[in-house]
N, C-alpha and C. Protein backbone atom coordinates (compact mmCIF):
# COMPACT_ATOMS: atom_id res chain seq x y z
N UNK A 1 48.15 -17.14 -62.96
CA UNK A 1 49.02 -18.34 -62.76
C UNK A 1 49.86 -18.10 -61.45
N UNK A 2 49.65 -18.95 -60.39
CA UNK A 2 50.46 -18.75 -59.30
C UNK A 2 51.94 -19.20 -59.46
N UNK A 3 52.92 -18.34 -58.94
CA UNK A 3 54.24 -18.63 -59.05
C UNK A 3 54.85 -18.18 -60.32
N UNK A 4 54.13 -17.70 -61.21
CA UNK A 4 54.59 -17.21 -62.49
C UNK A 4 54.62 -15.73 -62.53
N UNK A 5 55.86 -15.17 -62.95
CA UNK A 5 56.07 -13.71 -62.98
C UNK A 5 56.23 -13.38 -64.56
N UNK A 6 55.40 -12.46 -65.01
CA UNK A 6 55.59 -12.05 -66.33
C UNK A 6 56.74 -10.74 -66.49
N UNK A 7 57.50 -10.76 -67.42
CA UNK A 7 58.42 -9.57 -67.55
C UNK A 7 58.63 -9.39 -69.15
N UNK A 8 58.98 -8.16 -69.52
CA UNK A 8 59.25 -7.86 -70.97
C UNK A 8 60.69 -7.88 -71.31
N UNK A 9 61.01 -8.10 -72.48
CA UNK A 9 62.40 -8.25 -72.96
C UNK A 9 62.40 -7.23 -74.15
N UNK A 10 63.28 -6.33 -74.16
CA UNK A 10 63.55 -5.54 -75.53
C UNK A 10 64.71 -6.18 -76.27
N UNK A 11 64.31 -6.51 -77.57
CA UNK A 11 65.40 -7.00 -78.49
C UNK A 11 65.32 -6.36 -79.91
N UNK A 12 66.45 -6.34 -80.60
CA UNK A 12 66.54 -5.81 -81.97
C UNK A 12 65.70 -6.76 -82.79
N UNK A 13 64.99 -6.22 -83.77
CA UNK A 13 64.20 -7.02 -84.47
C UNK A 13 64.95 -8.28 -85.29
N UNK A 14 66.04 -7.82 -85.79
CA UNK A 14 66.87 -9.00 -86.49
C UNK A 14 67.22 -10.09 -85.46
N UNK A 15 67.54 -9.79 -84.27
CA UNK A 15 67.82 -10.71 -83.24
C UNK A 15 66.74 -11.57 -83.09
N UNK A 16 65.59 -10.86 -82.73
CA UNK A 16 64.31 -11.59 -82.56
C UNK A 16 63.93 -12.65 -83.56
N UNK A 17 64.11 -12.10 -84.81
CA UNK A 17 63.80 -13.00 -85.93
C UNK A 17 64.54 -14.25 -85.98
N UNK A 18 65.86 -14.09 -85.72
CA UNK A 18 66.91 -15.24 -85.63
C UNK A 18 66.37 -16.22 -84.55
N UNK A 19 66.01 -15.62 -83.37
CA UNK A 19 65.52 -16.41 -82.22
C UNK A 19 64.40 -17.20 -82.50
N UNK A 20 63.41 -16.46 -83.29
CA UNK A 20 62.12 -17.20 -83.55
C UNK A 20 62.37 -18.40 -84.51
N UNK A 21 63.26 -18.08 -85.62
CA UNK A 21 63.64 -19.26 -86.35
C UNK A 21 64.19 -20.41 -85.70
N UNK A 22 65.28 -20.13 -84.83
CA UNK A 22 65.87 -21.13 -83.93
C UNK A 22 64.90 -21.97 -83.09
N UNK A 23 64.09 -21.29 -82.35
CA UNK A 23 63.08 -21.96 -81.52
C UNK A 23 61.95 -22.79 -82.34
N UNK A 24 61.77 -22.14 -83.54
CA UNK A 24 60.88 -22.95 -84.44
C UNK A 24 61.45 -24.31 -84.86
N UNK A 25 62.80 -24.23 -85.28
CA UNK A 25 63.56 -25.46 -85.61
C UNK A 25 63.60 -26.44 -84.32
N UNK A 26 63.74 -25.92 -83.36
CA UNK A 26 63.87 -26.83 -82.12
C UNK A 26 62.53 -27.31 -81.54
N UNK A 27 61.47 -26.86 -81.96
CA UNK A 27 60.13 -27.24 -81.69
C UNK A 27 59.58 -26.66 -80.43
N UNK A 28 59.94 -25.53 -80.01
CA UNK A 28 59.32 -24.81 -78.85
C UNK A 28 58.00 -24.37 -79.12
N UNK A 29 57.13 -24.42 -78.29
CA UNK A 29 55.74 -23.90 -78.44
C UNK A 29 55.77 -22.59 -78.42
N UNK A 30 56.53 -21.92 -77.63
CA UNK A 30 56.54 -20.37 -77.56
C UNK A 30 57.88 -19.86 -77.06
N UNK A 31 58.04 -18.50 -76.99
CA UNK A 31 59.30 -17.99 -76.66
C UNK A 31 59.53 -18.15 -75.19
N UNK A 32 58.53 -18.22 -74.41
CA UNK A 32 58.68 -18.28 -72.94
C UNK A 32 59.30 -19.61 -72.63
N UNK A 33 59.00 -20.76 -73.17
CA UNK A 33 59.63 -22.06 -72.96
C UNK A 33 61.13 -22.02 -73.35
N UNK A 34 61.40 -21.40 -74.63
CA UNK A 34 62.76 -21.30 -75.04
C UNK A 34 63.50 -20.49 -74.05
N UNK A 35 63.02 -19.39 -73.58
CA UNK A 35 63.80 -18.51 -72.70
C UNK A 35 64.07 -19.17 -71.33
N UNK A 36 63.02 -19.93 -70.86
CA UNK A 36 63.09 -20.70 -69.54
C UNK A 36 64.27 -21.65 -69.75
N UNK A 37 64.41 -22.38 -70.81
CA UNK A 37 65.51 -23.36 -71.02
C UNK A 37 66.95 -22.66 -71.09
N UNK A 38 66.92 -21.49 -71.78
CA UNK A 38 68.17 -20.64 -71.86
C UNK A 38 68.61 -20.29 -70.40
N UNK A 39 67.60 -19.81 -69.53
CA UNK A 39 67.97 -19.51 -68.19
C UNK A 39 68.49 -20.63 -67.44
N UNK A 40 67.80 -21.83 -67.51
CA UNK A 40 68.18 -23.00 -66.83
C UNK A 40 69.57 -23.47 -67.24
N UNK A 41 69.91 -23.30 -68.60
CA UNK A 41 71.24 -23.76 -69.08
C UNK A 41 72.20 -22.85 -68.41
N UNK A 42 71.95 -21.55 -68.24
CA UNK A 42 73.00 -20.65 -67.70
C UNK A 42 73.16 -20.82 -66.19
N UNK A 43 72.03 -21.23 -65.53
CA UNK A 43 72.15 -21.60 -64.10
C UNK A 43 73.06 -23.07 -63.88
N UNK A 44 72.79 -23.89 -64.72
CA UNK A 44 73.62 -25.19 -64.63
C UNK A 44 75.07 -24.90 -65.05
N UNK A 45 75.43 -24.06 -66.04
CA UNK A 45 76.70 -23.72 -66.22
C UNK A 45 77.48 -22.92 -64.97
N UNK A 46 76.66 -22.13 -64.44
CA UNK A 46 77.16 -21.35 -63.24
C UNK A 46 77.44 -22.21 -62.13
N UNK A 47 76.52 -23.34 -62.05
CA UNK A 47 76.80 -24.30 -60.77
C UNK A 47 77.96 -25.13 -61.18
N UNK A 48 78.29 -25.42 -62.42
CA UNK A 48 79.54 -26.21 -62.68
C UNK A 48 80.62 -25.38 -62.53
N UNK A 49 80.59 -24.10 -62.76
CA UNK A 49 81.78 -23.37 -62.57
C UNK A 49 82.27 -23.21 -61.10
N UNK A 50 81.21 -23.18 -60.19
CA UNK A 50 81.49 -23.08 -58.83
C UNK A 50 82.20 -24.40 -58.27
N UNK A 51 81.69 -25.63 -58.85
CA UNK A 51 82.29 -26.86 -58.71
C UNK A 51 81.95 -27.67 -57.33
N UNK A 52 81.38 -27.08 -56.39
CA UNK A 52 81.15 -27.79 -55.25
C UNK A 52 79.63 -28.29 -55.01
N UNK A 53 78.73 -28.03 -55.98
CA UNK A 53 77.42 -28.27 -55.91
C UNK A 53 77.17 -29.78 -56.35
N UNK A 54 76.07 -30.41 -55.90
CA UNK A 54 75.80 -31.80 -56.28
C UNK A 54 75.27 -31.68 -57.74
N UNK A 55 75.74 -32.63 -58.54
CA UNK A 55 75.45 -32.51 -59.97
C UNK A 55 75.33 -33.98 -60.52
N UNK A 56 75.00 -34.08 -61.76
CA UNK A 56 75.01 -35.26 -62.57
C UNK A 56 75.51 -35.13 -63.91
N UNK A 57 75.93 -36.21 -64.51
CA UNK A 57 76.51 -36.04 -65.84
C UNK A 57 76.70 -37.47 -66.59
N UNK A 58 76.71 -37.50 -67.90
CA UNK A 58 77.09 -38.61 -68.58
C UNK A 58 78.51 -38.47 -69.43
N UNK A 59 79.10 -39.52 -69.26
CA UNK A 59 80.39 -39.60 -69.96
C UNK A 59 80.30 -40.74 -71.03
N UNK A 60 80.67 -40.36 -72.27
CA UNK A 60 80.63 -41.26 -73.36
C UNK A 60 82.09 -41.57 -73.87
N UNK A 61 82.47 -42.71 -73.93
CA UNK A 61 83.78 -43.05 -74.38
C UNK A 61 83.78 -43.99 -75.60
N UNK A 62 84.65 -43.86 -76.52
CA UNK A 62 84.80 -44.83 -77.55
C UNK A 62 86.26 -45.19 -77.58
N UNK A 63 86.62 -46.37 -77.72
CA UNK A 63 87.88 -46.93 -77.60
C UNK A 63 88.07 -48.41 -78.41
N UNK A 64 89.16 -48.65 -78.60
CA UNK A 64 89.61 -50.03 -79.35
C UNK A 64 89.97 -50.87 -78.24
N UNK A 65 89.16 -51.88 -78.06
CA UNK A 65 89.33 -52.84 -77.01
C UNK A 65 90.56 -53.62 -77.03
N UNK A 66 91.20 -53.63 -78.19
CA UNK A 66 92.43 -54.35 -78.42
C UNK A 66 93.61 -53.54 -77.89
N UNK A 67 93.46 -52.28 -77.54
CA UNK A 67 94.70 -51.51 -76.99
C UNK A 67 95.11 -52.19 -75.66
N UNK A 68 96.33 -52.46 -75.68
CA UNK A 68 97.04 -53.26 -74.53
C UNK A 68 96.72 -52.60 -73.22
N UNK A 69 96.01 -53.40 -72.36
CA UNK A 69 95.74 -53.10 -70.96
C UNK A 69 94.73 -51.95 -70.81
N UNK A 70 94.17 -51.45 -71.81
CA UNK A 70 93.13 -50.31 -71.71
C UNK A 70 91.95 -50.61 -70.91
N UNK A 71 91.30 -51.74 -71.27
CA UNK A 71 90.11 -52.15 -70.48
C UNK A 71 90.37 -52.22 -68.96
N UNK A 72 91.50 -52.80 -68.71
CA UNK A 72 91.97 -52.90 -67.16
C UNK A 72 92.12 -51.59 -66.66
N UNK A 73 92.72 -50.66 -67.32
CA UNK A 73 92.89 -49.34 -66.71
C UNK A 73 91.60 -48.53 -66.55
N UNK A 74 90.62 -48.67 -67.48
CA UNK A 74 89.53 -48.04 -67.42
C UNK A 74 88.62 -48.63 -66.29
N UNK A 75 88.55 -50.00 -66.10
CA UNK A 75 87.92 -50.57 -65.03
C UNK A 75 88.52 -50.20 -63.63
N UNK A 76 89.92 -50.25 -63.62
CA UNK A 76 90.41 -49.77 -62.37
C UNK A 76 90.14 -48.27 -62.00
N UNK A 77 90.15 -47.42 -62.89
CA UNK A 77 89.67 -46.11 -62.68
C UNK A 77 88.27 -45.98 -62.17
N UNK A 78 87.39 -46.63 -62.80
CA UNK A 78 85.94 -46.74 -62.44
C UNK A 78 85.73 -47.29 -61.07
N UNK A 79 86.50 -48.35 -60.61
CA UNK A 79 86.34 -48.87 -59.30
C UNK A 79 86.94 -47.97 -58.38
N UNK A 80 87.90 -47.13 -58.73
CA UNK A 80 88.54 -46.07 -57.85
C UNK A 80 87.36 -44.94 -57.40
N UNK A 81 86.46 -44.86 -58.26
CA UNK A 81 85.34 -43.92 -58.13
C UNK A 81 84.02 -44.43 -58.06
N UNK A 82 83.93 -45.56 -57.60
CA UNK A 82 82.72 -46.31 -57.47
C UNK A 82 81.43 -45.54 -56.99
N UNK A 83 81.61 -44.74 -55.91
CA UNK A 83 80.70 -43.93 -55.36
C UNK A 83 80.04 -42.90 -56.25
N UNK A 84 80.74 -42.46 -57.21
CA UNK A 84 80.25 -41.47 -58.00
C UNK A 84 79.60 -41.92 -59.29
N UNK A 85 80.14 -43.30 -59.72
CA UNK A 85 79.56 -43.86 -60.91
C UNK A 85 78.36 -44.70 -60.76
N UNK A 86 77.21 -44.19 -61.10
CA UNK A 86 75.93 -44.64 -60.79
C UNK A 86 75.54 -45.93 -61.65
N UNK A 87 75.97 -45.81 -62.96
CA UNK A 87 75.62 -46.83 -63.84
C UNK A 87 76.57 -46.75 -65.10
N UNK A 88 76.83 -47.92 -65.78
CA UNK A 88 77.51 -48.01 -66.96
C UNK A 88 76.77 -48.82 -68.01
N UNK A 89 77.01 -48.40 -69.32
CA UNK A 89 76.38 -49.25 -70.49
C UNK A 89 77.53 -49.58 -71.39
N UNK A 90 77.66 -50.66 -71.85
CA UNK A 90 78.80 -51.09 -72.74
C UNK A 90 78.26 -51.63 -74.03
N UNK A 91 78.66 -51.12 -75.10
CA UNK A 91 78.24 -51.43 -76.44
C UNK A 91 79.31 -51.87 -77.29
N UNK A 92 79.25 -52.98 -78.02
CA UNK A 92 80.32 -53.38 -79.05
C UNK A 92 79.82 -52.77 -80.30
N UNK A 93 80.66 -51.71 -80.89
CA UNK A 93 80.26 -51.15 -82.05
C UNK A 93 80.76 -51.89 -83.31
N UNK A 94 81.81 -52.73 -83.28
CA UNK A 94 82.28 -53.41 -84.39
C UNK A 94 83.25 -54.50 -83.79
N UNK A 95 84.00 -55.13 -84.67
CA UNK A 95 84.94 -56.20 -84.04
C UNK A 95 86.02 -55.69 -83.19
N UNK A 96 86.19 -54.33 -83.13
CA UNK A 96 87.28 -53.79 -82.51
C UNK A 96 86.96 -52.63 -81.51
N UNK A 97 85.87 -51.94 -81.79
CA UNK A 97 85.63 -50.65 -81.00
C UNK A 97 84.46 -50.83 -80.17
N UNK A 98 84.46 -50.39 -78.97
CA UNK A 98 83.47 -50.34 -77.99
C UNK A 98 83.07 -48.95 -77.57
N UNK A 99 81.76 -48.69 -77.16
CA UNK A 99 81.32 -47.46 -76.67
C UNK A 99 80.80 -47.67 -75.28
N UNK A 100 81.25 -46.94 -74.41
CA UNK A 100 80.89 -47.08 -72.94
C UNK A 100 80.37 -45.64 -72.37
N UNK A 101 79.13 -45.81 -71.85
CA UNK A 101 78.31 -44.62 -71.31
C UNK A 101 78.29 -44.77 -69.84
N UNK A 102 78.83 -43.84 -69.12
CA UNK A 102 78.77 -43.87 -67.63
C UNK A 102 77.83 -42.68 -67.15
N UNK A 103 77.13 -42.98 -66.18
CA UNK A 103 76.30 -42.01 -65.49
C UNK A 103 77.00 -41.65 -64.13
N UNK A 104 77.25 -40.51 -64.00
CA UNK A 104 77.92 -39.94 -62.82
C UNK A 104 77.09 -39.02 -61.90
N UNK A 105 77.31 -39.11 -60.66
CA UNK A 105 76.62 -38.35 -59.67
C UNK A 105 77.47 -37.91 -58.46
N UNK A 106 77.41 -36.60 -58.13
CA UNK A 106 78.35 -36.19 -56.94
C UNK A 106 78.69 -34.72 -57.12
N UNK A 107 79.67 -34.36 -56.42
CA UNK A 107 80.10 -33.01 -56.50
C UNK A 107 80.70 -32.82 -57.97
N UNK A 108 80.20 -31.61 -58.40
CA UNK A 108 80.54 -31.17 -59.92
C UNK A 108 82.06 -31.37 -60.18
N UNK A 109 82.82 -30.80 -59.20
CA UNK A 109 84.39 -30.74 -59.56
C UNK A 109 84.98 -32.14 -59.63
N UNK A 110 84.45 -33.03 -58.80
CA UNK A 110 84.88 -34.37 -58.74
C UNK A 110 84.47 -35.04 -60.07
N UNK A 111 83.18 -34.97 -60.58
CA UNK A 111 82.82 -35.60 -61.68
C UNK A 111 83.70 -35.13 -63.01
N UNK A 112 83.94 -33.88 -62.98
CA UNK A 112 84.74 -33.33 -64.06
C UNK A 112 86.18 -33.88 -63.97
N UNK A 113 86.64 -34.23 -62.88
CA UNK A 113 88.12 -34.73 -62.61
C UNK A 113 87.94 -36.16 -63.17
N UNK A 114 86.87 -36.99 -62.84
CA UNK A 114 86.77 -38.36 -63.14
C UNK A 114 86.63 -38.44 -64.64
N UNK A 115 85.90 -37.70 -65.25
CA UNK A 115 85.56 -37.49 -66.69
C UNK A 115 86.82 -37.20 -67.51
N UNK A 116 87.50 -36.31 -67.07
CA UNK A 116 88.87 -35.96 -67.50
C UNK A 116 89.88 -36.99 -67.63
N UNK A 117 89.95 -37.56 -66.50
CA UNK A 117 90.82 -38.89 -66.30
C UNK A 117 90.47 -40.02 -67.23
N UNK A 118 89.30 -40.31 -67.27
CA UNK A 118 88.99 -41.48 -68.17
C UNK A 118 89.11 -41.08 -69.60
N UNK A 119 88.68 -39.75 -70.06
CA UNK A 119 88.87 -39.45 -71.41
C UNK A 119 90.25 -39.41 -71.81
N UNK A 120 91.10 -38.92 -70.82
CA UNK A 120 92.68 -38.92 -71.10
C UNK A 120 93.33 -40.18 -71.09
N UNK A 121 92.71 -41.18 -70.65
CA UNK A 121 93.35 -42.48 -70.64
C UNK A 121 93.93 -42.95 -72.00
N UNK A 122 95.27 -43.30 -72.15
CA UNK A 122 95.78 -43.65 -73.39
C UNK A 122 94.90 -44.80 -74.04
N UNK A 123 94.57 -44.69 -75.25
CA UNK A 123 93.79 -45.61 -75.99
C UNK A 123 92.37 -45.21 -76.14
N UNK A 124 91.80 -44.29 -75.45
CA UNK A 124 90.58 -43.95 -75.58
C UNK A 124 90.51 -42.94 -76.81
N UNK A 125 89.81 -43.22 -77.85
CA UNK A 125 89.83 -42.49 -79.09
C UNK A 125 88.97 -41.30 -79.16
N UNK A 126 87.90 -41.36 -78.21
CA UNK A 126 86.98 -40.24 -78.19
C UNK A 126 86.20 -40.19 -76.87
N UNK A 127 86.08 -39.09 -76.29
CA UNK A 127 85.10 -39.01 -75.17
C UNK A 127 84.49 -37.63 -75.01
N UNK A 128 83.10 -37.56 -74.44
CA UNK A 128 82.53 -36.36 -74.23
C UNK A 128 81.85 -36.60 -72.94
N UNK A 129 81.84 -35.36 -72.21
CA UNK A 129 81.17 -35.40 -70.88
C UNK A 129 80.11 -34.29 -70.97
N UNK A 130 78.94 -34.71 -70.69
CA UNK A 130 77.68 -33.78 -70.61
C UNK A 130 77.32 -33.68 -69.20
N UNK A 131 77.26 -32.36 -68.72
CA UNK A 131 77.02 -32.23 -67.29
C UNK A 131 75.67 -31.50 -67.35
N UNK A 132 75.03 -31.78 -66.08
CA UNK A 132 73.72 -31.18 -65.92
C UNK A 132 73.63 -31.05 -64.37
N UNK A 133 72.53 -30.44 -63.93
CA UNK A 133 72.24 -30.19 -62.41
C UNK A 133 71.24 -31.26 -62.04
N UNK A 134 71.29 -31.57 -60.65
CA UNK A 134 70.19 -32.35 -60.17
C UNK A 134 68.81 -31.55 -60.32
N UNK A 135 67.72 -32.27 -60.27
CA UNK A 135 66.33 -31.68 -60.59
C UNK A 135 66.07 -30.39 -59.54
N UNK A 136 66.41 -30.45 -58.35
CA UNK A 136 66.12 -29.42 -57.54
C UNK A 136 66.74 -28.03 -57.90
N UNK A 137 67.89 -28.08 -58.40
CA UNK A 137 68.62 -26.96 -59.03
C UNK A 137 67.94 -26.22 -60.09
N UNK A 138 67.07 -26.96 -60.76
CA UNK A 138 66.43 -26.46 -61.92
C UNK A 138 65.07 -25.82 -61.78
N UNK A 139 64.60 -25.75 -60.54
CA UNK A 139 63.26 -25.14 -60.21
C UNK A 139 63.38 -23.65 -60.25
């Protein structure tokens, strides 16, 4: 296989058994695929720690739309960072609560700052930010 390097890993039997159970539950075809994903995840985390690399992420917010001036504040913050916000999805969860998903793209540190600011807006009940790398960084 061109471009593929084989190498060995030494593990304690108990650790390997736990790893095999984990990758079985997750549906990996083999250990190599699981190890590749673990390496990619470590590389993405390292990229985010540096903060200046191009990255992408999703931000999910849940809020009560009846909170005074909340929607206006969220919209204002999003417009202030329109270059980094690629797309938004708005869903009405019930008569009072909304879920908003934003796709962000840009410098990792900036995306984290935008996500933290939106999550920290008074009236947001819950927010999560999921960061990843652009495709080129995962090769």
